[in-house]
Amino acid sequence: MEDVFENLLRKENSKIFIAEDKNRIFLGYIFIGEGTNMITGQVHGFIYDIFVKEEYRGKGVGKILLEEAQNYCRKKGYSTIGLMVSTKNQEAIKFYIETGFTATQMFMEKELN
């Protein structure tokens, strides 16, 4: 996974925002980059990863990180921002809906034996 992040960071439009408290204690991060809609070809902002330490969840850290990512995407000229989330991660889905995201596609898979 580390190689994936390193390759993405080499891209011109990738950025990581780190959240710290006033004592510089790490609270979380958001990793933002560029995506392309495979059907329309539209380029958009894309959240590769967002993480907030468990003890800081529900305290606004994720919202601040998301705002930074959205501002970054606006400056880059993107009109939308996307992400993928596991259907099993109901806490994250609730957070994304509360912050204005809507489901536009569904990724499906089948386990092969």
Protein backbone atom coordinates (compact mmCIF):
# COMPACT_ATOMS: atom_id res chain seq x y z
CA MET A 1 0.00 0.00 0.00
CA GLU A 2 2.88 2.35 0.72
CA ASP A 3 3.99 2.12 -2.95
CA VAL A 4 0.48 3.13 -4.06
CA PHE A 5 0.60 6.28 -1.91
CA GLU A 6 4.11 7.12 -3.09
CA ASN A 7 3.06 6.79 -6.75
CA LEU A 8 -0.04 8.91 -6.20
CA LEU A 9 1.96 11.62 -4.41
CA ARG A 10 4.24 11.92 -7.42
CA LYS A 11 1.25 13.05 -9.46
CA GLU A 12 0.99 16.80 -9.86
CA ASN A 13 -2.54 17.12 -8.46
CA SER A 14 -2.18 15.03 -5.29
CA LYS A 15 -1.99 16.45 -1.80
CA ILE A 16 -2.17 15.27 1.80
CA PHE A 17 -3.61 17.50 4.53
CA ILE A 18 -2.62 16.60 8.10
CA ALA A 19 -4.68 17.54 11.16
CA GLU A 20 -2.83 18.24 14.39
CA ASP A 21 -3.86 19.79 17.68
CA LYS A 22 -2.17 22.83 19.20
CA ASN A 23 0.51 20.55 20.68
CA ARG A 24 1.20 19.08 17.22
CA ILE A 25 -0.39 15.75 18.15
CA PHE A 26 -1.48 13.88 15.01
CA LEU A 27 -5.29 13.69 14.70
CA GLY A 28 -5.79 12.50 11.13
CA TYR A 29 -5.24 13.15 7.45
CA ILE A 30 -6.96 13.35 4.08
CA PHE A 31 -5.31 12.30 0.83
CA ILE A 32 -6.79 14.06 -2.20
CA GLY A 33 -6.00 13.75 -5.87
CA GLU A 34 -7.53 13.72 -9.31
CA GLY A 35 -9.95 11.23 -10.80
CA THR A 36 -11.60 10.82 -14.17
CA ASN A 37 -15.12 9.58 -14.84
CA MET A 38 -14.55 6.61 -17.13
CA ILE A 39 -17.84 7.20 -18.98
CA THR A 40 -17.95 10.98 -19.39
CA GLY A 41 -14.22 11.71 -19.21
CA GLN A 42 -14.89 14.50 -16.71
CA VAL A 43 -11.92 15.20 -14.44
CA HIS A 44 -12.77 15.69 -10.77
CA GLY A 45 -11.24 15.76 -7.34
CA PHE A 46 -10.97 12.37 -5.66
CA ILE A 47 -10.47 11.45 -2.02
CA TYR A 48 -8.08 8.51 -1.97
CA ASP A 49 -8.14 8.17 1.79
CA ILE A 50 -9.33 9.92 4.92
CA PHE A 51 -8.44 8.89 8.44
CA VAL A 52 -9.17 10.34 11.87
CA LYS A 53 -7.82 8.70 15.02
CA GLU A 54 -10.66 6.94 16.80
CA GLU A 55 -10.53 9.10 19.92
CA TYR A 56 -11.00 12.26 17.80
CA ARG A 57 -13.90 11.03 15.66
CA GLY A 58 -17.14 12.96 16.01
CA LYS A 59 -15.27 16.09 17.12
CA GLY A 60 -15.13 17.93 13.78
CA VAL A 61 -11.67 16.82 12.63
CA GLY A 62 -13.02 14.96 9.59
CA LYS A 63 -15.16 17.94 8.58
CA ILE A 64 -12.18 20.28 8.75
CA LEU A 65 -10.09 17.90 6.64
CA LEU A 66 -12.92 17.55 4.14
CA GLU A 67 -13.30 21.35 3.91
CA GLU A 68 -9.57 21.68 3.18
CA ALA A 69 -9.84 19.04 0.44
CA GLN A 70 -12.87 20.76 -1.08
CA ASN A 71 -11.14 24.14 -1.06
CA TYR A 72 -8.10 22.56 -2.73
CA CYS A 73 -10.33 21.03 -5.42
CA ARG A 74 -12.11 24.34 -6.05
CA LYS A 75 -8.73 26.05 -6.54
CA LYS A 76 -7.79 23.30 -9.01
CA GLY A 77 -10.99 24.06 -10.95
CA TYR A 78 -12.80 20.79 -10.26
CA SER A 79 -16.59 21.05 -10.13
CA THR A 80 -17.06 17.79 -8.19
CA ILE A 81 -15.24 15.63 -5.68
CA GLY A 82 -15.67 11.89 -5.35
CA LEU A 83 -14.67 8.97 -3.16
CA MET A 84 -15.31 5.28 -2.63
CA VAL A 85 -16.57 3.86 0.64
CA SER A 86 -17.33 0.33 1.74
CA THR A 87 -21.04 -0.42 2.10
CA LYS A 88 -20.10 -2.03 5.45
CA ASN A 89 -18.72 1.25 6.79
CA GLN A 90 -22.02 2.77 7.87
CA GLU A 91 -20.36 5.33 10.15
CA ALA A 92 -18.40 6.77 7.20
CA ILE A 93 -21.43 6.68 4.91
CA LYS A 94 -23.43 8.65 7.47
CA PHE A 95 -20.59 11.20 7.73
CA TYR A 96 -20.39 11.63 3.95
CA ILE A 97 -24.17 12.07 3.61
CA GLU A 98 -24.14 14.64 6.43
CA THR A 99 -21.42 16.58 4.60
CA GLY A 100 -23.32 16.68 1.30
CA PHE A 101 -22.19 13.61 -0.64
CA THR A 102 -24.72 11.53 -2.55
CA ALA A 103 -24.39 8.06 -4.02
CA THR A 104 -24.05 8.25 -7.80
CA GLN A 105 -22.72 4.79 -8.64
CA MET A 106 -22.51 1.36 -7.11
CA PHE A 107 -19.44 -0.84 -7.29
CA MET A 108 -20.28 -4.52 -7.06
CA GLU A 109 -18.12 -7.60 -6.74
CA LYS A 110 -18.46 -11.33 -6.51
CA GLU A 111 -16.15 -13.59 -4.58
CA LEU A 112 -14.74 -16.34 -6.76
CA ASN A 113 -14.04 -19.72 -5.24
